[in-house]
Amino acid sequence: MVFLEVLSDDTVAFYRRMARHIRIREDAPICRQKEIYGWYDFPKSELSISTERIISRPQPHHAIEETFWHELVHAAQDCKHNNGEGQPLGIAKSAMPLGPVQMESLRNSLRSSGRSGQPMEHEALWMETKPGKVRWVVEKYCL
């Protein structure tokens, strides 16, 4: 997988742990069907990274790393509720302020995933730059 070549060593180690519990794919068909950088398929417990799309962006290494952590938040949402649909982890929205770029990402994401995913997407966008918090929720609910 190409995206593994750009992840930090710590992130690759965490990837290896997670890959034993959920399927992680690169450039899955969904990546070509939607304008996305990553996708978490709740019914399949499958995470996809859209490497081909991301490498065309500025700072692709950073974007791949953030996308990986973002999608792992969705994995934790899935593991916590184990219902094939996922639900928010329960972090108060007021505790998760998003900047203008993240708000635009939220709007774009909701066009792909649907309005009902707003609370989960908000959590994932807020947490994607906080790998320590993502590790904690993934370890708590998935490992």
C-alpha atoms as a PDB file:
ATOM      1  CA  MET A   1       0.000   0.000   0.000  1.00  0.00           C
ATOM      2  CA  VAL A   2       1.437   3.307  -1.108  1.00  0.00           C
ATOM      3  CA  PHE A   3      -0.079   5.312   1.732  1.00  0.00           C
ATOM      4  CA  LEU A   4       1.941   3.322   4.280  1.00  0.00           C
ATOM      5  CA  GLU A   5       5.132   4.731   2.780  1.00  0.00           C
ATOM      6  CA  VAL A   6       4.236   8.250   3.902  1.00  0.00           C
ATOM      7  CA  LEU A   7       2.836   7.566   7.362  1.00  0.00           C
ATOM      8  CA  SER A   8       4.971   8.153  10.431  1.00  0.00           C
ATOM      9  CA  ASP A   9       6.516   5.077  12.045  1.00  0.00           C
ATOM     10  CA  ASP A  10       4.121   5.332  15.003  1.00  0.00           C
ATOM     11  CA  THR A  11       1.131   5.527  12.676  1.00  0.00           C
ATOM     12  CA  VAL A  12       2.329   2.519  10.669  1.00  0.00           C
ATOM     13  CA  ALA A  13       2.667   0.540  13.894  1.00  0.00           C
ATOM     14  CA  PHE A  14      -0.891   1.483  14.834  1.00  0.00           C
ATOM     15  CA  TYR A  15      -2.065   0.605  11.323  1.00  0.00           C
ATOM     16  CA  ARG A  16      -0.624  -2.886  11.772  1.00  0.00           C
ATOM     17  CA  ARG A  17      -2.558  -3.332  15.010  1.00  0.00           C
ATOM     18  CA  MET A  18      -5.791  -2.103  13.452  1.00  0.00           C
ATOM     19  CA  ALA A  19      -5.400  -4.168  10.284  1.00  0.00           C
ATOM     20  CA  ARG A  20      -5.923  -7.271  12.422  1.00  0.00           C
ATOM     21  CA  HIS A  21      -9.377  -6.014  13.413  1.00  0.00           C
ATOM     22  CA  ILE A  22     -10.770  -4.129  10.432  1.00  0.00           C
ATOM     23  CA  ARG A  23     -10.152  -4.297   6.717  1.00  0.00           C
ATOM     24  CA  ILE A  24      -8.084  -1.379   5.449  1.00  0.00           C
ATOM     25  CA  ARG A  25      -8.019  -0.747   1.702  1.00  0.00           C
ATOM     26  CA  GLU A  26      -6.317   1.690  -0.599  1.00  0.00           C
ATOM     27  CA  ASP A  27      -8.096   3.270  -3.567  1.00  0.00           C
ATOM     28  CA  ALA A  28     -11.157   1.052  -3.170  1.00  0.00           C
ATOM     29  CA  PRO A  29     -13.944   1.457  -5.756  1.00  0.00           C
ATOM     30  CA  ILE A  30     -15.754   3.940  -3.485  1.00  0.00           C
ATOM     31  CA  CYS A  31     -12.746   6.248  -3.881  1.00  0.00           C
ATOM     32  CA  ARG A  32     -13.424   6.517  -7.598  1.00  0.00           C
ATOM     33  CA  GLN A  33     -17.176   6.860  -7.182  1.00  0.00           C
ATOM     34  CA  LYS A  34     -17.113   9.803  -4.783  1.00  0.00           C
ATOM     35  CA  GLU A  35     -14.939  12.885  -4.338  1.00  0.00           C
ATOM     36  CA  ILE A  36     -13.462  11.684  -1.059  1.00  0.00           C
ATOM     37  CA  TYR A  37     -10.092  11.249   0.639  1.00  0.00           C
ATOM     38  CA  GLY A  38     -11.230   8.375   2.790  1.00  0.00           C
ATOM     39  CA  TRP A  39     -14.300   6.329   3.614  1.00  0.00           C
ATOM     40  CA  TYR A  40     -15.429   4.074   6.397  1.00  0.00           C
ATOM     41  CA  ASP A  41     -18.035   1.503   5.427  1.00  0.00           C
ATOM     42  CA  PHE A  42     -19.926   0.789   8.658  1.00  0.00           C
ATOM     43  CA  PRO A  43     -21.771  -2.371   7.551  1.00  0.00           C
ATOM     44  CA  LYS A  44     -18.505  -3.917   6.316  1.00  0.00           C
ATOM     45  CA  SER A  45     -16.206  -2.448   9.018  1.00  0.00           C
ATOM     46  CA  GLU A  46     -13.907  -1.424   6.195  1.00  0.00           C
ATOM     47  CA  LEU A  47     -11.682   1.644   5.990  1.00  0.00           C
ATOM     48  CA  SER A  48     -10.556   3.028   2.619  1.00  0.00           C
ATOM     49  CA  ILE A  49      -7.868   5.617   1.905  1.00  0.00           C
ATOM     50  CA  SER A  50      -8.097   7.406  -1.466  1.00  0.00           C
ATOM     51  CA  THR A  51      -4.363   7.717  -2.041  1.00  0.00           C
ATOM     52  CA  GLU A  52      -4.639   8.557  -5.742  1.00  0.00           C
ATOM     53  CA  ARG A  53      -6.833  11.558  -4.964  1.00  0.00           C
ATOM     54  CA  ILE A  54      -4.798  12.709  -1.972  1.00  0.00           C
ATOM     55  CA  ILE A  55      -1.396  12.696  -3.680  1.00  0.00           C
ATOM     56  CA  SER A  56      -2.594  15.439  -6.022  1.00  0.00           C
ATOM     57  CA  ARG A  57      -3.114  17.764  -3.037  1.00  0.00           C
ATOM     58  CA  PRO A  58      -0.612  20.094  -1.440  1.00  0.00           C
ATOM     59  CA  GLN A  59       1.145  18.366   1.471  1.00  0.00           C
ATOM     60  CA  PRO A  60      -0.095  14.882   0.586  1.00  0.00           C
ATOM     61  CA  HIS A  61       1.864  13.221   3.406  1.00  0.00           C
ATOM     62  CA  HIS A  62       0.040  15.326   5.971  1.00  0.00           C
ATOM     63  CA  ALA A  63      -3.325  14.742   4.270  1.00  0.00           C
ATOM     64  CA  ILE A  64      -2.846  10.969   4.208  1.00  0.00           C
ATOM     65  CA  GLU A  65      -1.928  10.922   7.887  1.00  0.00           C
ATOM     66  CA  GLU A  66      -4.969  13.035   8.840  1.00  0.00           C
ATOM     67  CA  THR A  67      -7.264  10.965   6.648  1.00  0.00           C
ATOM     68  CA  PHE A  68      -6.084   7.761   8.297  1.00  0.00           C
ATOM     69  CA  TRP A  69      -6.793   9.136  11.790  1.00  0.00           C
ATOM     70  CA  HIS A  70     -10.112  10.583  10.621  1.00  0.00           C
ATOM     71  CA  GLU A  71     -11.314   7.236   9.310  1.00  0.00           C
ATOM     72  CA  LEU A  72     -10.141   5.497  12.477  1.00  0.00           C
ATOM     73  CA  VAL A  73     -12.510   7.744  14.429  1.00  0.00           C
ATOM     74  CA  HIS A  74     -15.308   6.244  12.351  1.00  0.00           C
ATOM     75  CA  ALA A  75     -13.954   2.782  13.159  1.00  0.00           C
ATOM     76  CA  ALA A  76     -14.171   3.625  16.875  1.00  0.00           C
ATOM     77  CA  GLN A  77     -17.731   4.900  16.378  1.00  0.00           C
ATOM     78  CA  ASP A  78     -18.525   1.573  14.735  1.00  0.00           C
ATOM     79  CA  CYS A  79     -16.819  -0.551  17.387  1.00  0.00           C
ATOM     80  CA  LYS A  80     -18.418   1.312  20.291  1.00  0.00           C
ATOM     81  CA  HIS A  81     -21.955   0.738  19.083  1.00  0.00           C
ATOM     82  CA  ASN A  82     -21.439  -2.469  17.076  1.00  0.00           C
ATOM     83  CA  ASN A  83     -24.624  -1.904  15.098  1.00  0.00           C
ATOM     84  CA  GLY A  84     -23.332  -1.721  11.527  1.00  0.00           C
ATOM     85  CA  GLU A  85     -24.288   1.943  11.337  1.00  0.00           C
ATOM     86  CA  GLY A  86     -22.072   3.666  13.859  1.00  0.00           C
ATOM     87  CA  GLN A  87     -23.084   6.407  16.221  1.00  0.00           C
ATOM     88  CA  PRO A  88     -21.213   9.354  17.687  1.00  0.00           C
ATOM     89  CA  LEU A  89     -18.796   8.657  20.496  1.00  0.00           C
ATOM     90  CA  GLY A  90     -20.673  11.188  22.603  1.00  0.00           C
ATOM     91  CA  ILE A  91     -18.283  14.131  22.753  1.00  0.00           C
ATOM     92  CA  ALA A  92     -20.210  17.358  23.302  1.00  0.00           C
ATOM     93  CA  LYS A  93     -20.282  19.425  20.134  1.00  0.00           C
ATOM     94  CA  SER A  94     -19.436  22.522  22.179  1.00  0.00           C
ATOM     95  CA  ALA A  95     -16.152  20.842  23.166  1.00  0.00           C
ATOM     96  CA  MET A  96     -15.203  20.298  19.512  1.00  0.00           C
ATOM     97  CA  PRO A  97     -14.839  23.650  17.780  1.00  0.00           C
ATOM     98  CA  LEU A  98     -14.100  23.407  14.063  1.00  0.00           C
ATOM     99  CA  GLY A  99     -12.268  26.052  12.065  1.00  0.00           C
ATOM    100  CA  PRO A 100     -13.471  27.402   8.716  1.00  0.00           C
ATOM    101  CA  VAL A 101     -11.568  24.809   6.660  1.00  0.00           C
ATOM    102  CA  GLN A 102     -12.956  21.980   8.777  1.00  0.00           C
ATOM    103  CA  MET A 103     -16.483  23.408   8.481  1.00  0.00           C
ATOM    104  CA  GLU A 104     -16.116  23.381   4.698  1.00  0.00           C
ATOM    105  CA  SER A 105     -14.877  19.786   4.914  1.00  0.00           C
ATOM    106  CA  LEU A 106     -17.920  18.948   7.028  1.00  0.00           C
ATOM    107  CA  ARG A 107     -20.275  20.406   4.419  1.00  0.00           C
ATOM    108  CA  ASN A 108     -18.490  18.530   1.622  1.00  0.00           C
ATOM    109  CA  SER A 109     -18.531  15.292   3.567  1.00  0.00           C
ATOM    110  CA  LEU A 110     -22.226  15.544   4.284  1.00  0.00           C
ATOM    111  CA  ARG A 111     -22.876  15.771   0.557  1.00  0.00           C
ATOM    112  CA  SER A 112     -21.229  12.335   0.230  1.00  0.00           C
ATOM    113  CA  SER A 113     -22.441  10.643   3.384  1.00  0.00           C
ATOM    114  CA  GLY A 114     -25.780  12.269   4.109  1.00  0.00           C
ATOM    115  CA  ARG A 115     -27.040  14.656   6.759  1.00  0.00           C
ATOM    116  CA  SER A 116     -27.580  11.941   9.358  1.00  0.00           C
ATOM    117  CA  GLY A 117     -23.812  11.502   9.626  1.00  0.00           C
ATOM    118  CA  GLN A 118     -23.220  15.073  10.787  1.00  0.00           C
ATOM    119  CA  PRO A 119     -22.458  14.348  14.472  1.00  0.00           C
ATOM    120  CA  MET A 120     -20.086  11.498  13.585  1.00  0.00           C
ATOM    121  CA  GLU A 121     -18.337  13.515  10.907  1.00  0.00           C
ATOM    122  CA  HIS A 122     -17.979  16.467  13.278  1.00  0.00           C
ATOM    123  CA  GLU A 123     -16.232  14.204  15.799  1.00  0.00           C
ATOM    124  CA  ALA A 124     -13.944  12.750  13.138  1.00  0.00           C
ATOM    125  CA  LEU A 125     -12.957  16.157  11.766  1.00  0.00           C
ATOM    126  CA  TRP A 126     -12.201  17.470  15.225  1.00  0.00           C
ATOM    127  CA  MET A 127     -10.202  14.389  16.236  1.00  0.00           C
ATOM    128  CA  GLU A 128      -8.232  13.827  12.999  1.00  0.00           C
ATOM    129  CA  THR A 129      -5.490  16.199  14.178  1.00  0.00           C
ATOM    130  CA  LYS A 130      -5.367  14.562  17.609  1.00  0.00           C
ATOM    131  CA  PRO A 131      -3.847  11.103  17.061  1.00  0.00           C
ATOM    132  CA  GLY A 132      -3.485  10.518  20.793  1.00  0.00           C
ATOM    133  CA  LYS A 133      -7.222  10.921  21.322  1.00  0.00           C
ATOM    134  CA  VAL A 134      -7.978   8.734  18.305  1.00  0.00           C
ATOM    135  CA  ARG A 135      -5.665   6.008  19.606  1.00  0.00           C
ATOM    136  CA  TRP A 136      -7.406   6.164  22.965  1.00  0.00           C
ATOM    137  CA  VAL A 137     -10.934   5.715  21.565  1.00  0.00           C
ATOM    138  CA  VAL A 138      -9.811   3.023  19.129  1.00  0.00           C
ATOM    139  CA  GLU A 139      -8.008   1.106  21.869  1.00  0.00           C
ATOM    140  CA  LYS A 140     -10.973   1.486  24.203  1.00  0.00           C
ATOM    141  CA  TYR A 141     -13.652   0.373  21.746  1.00  0.00           C
ATOM    142  CA  CYS A 142     -11.929  -1.732  19.079  1.00  0.00           C
ATOM    143  CA  LEU A 143      -8.867  -3.462  20.493  1.00  0.00           C
END
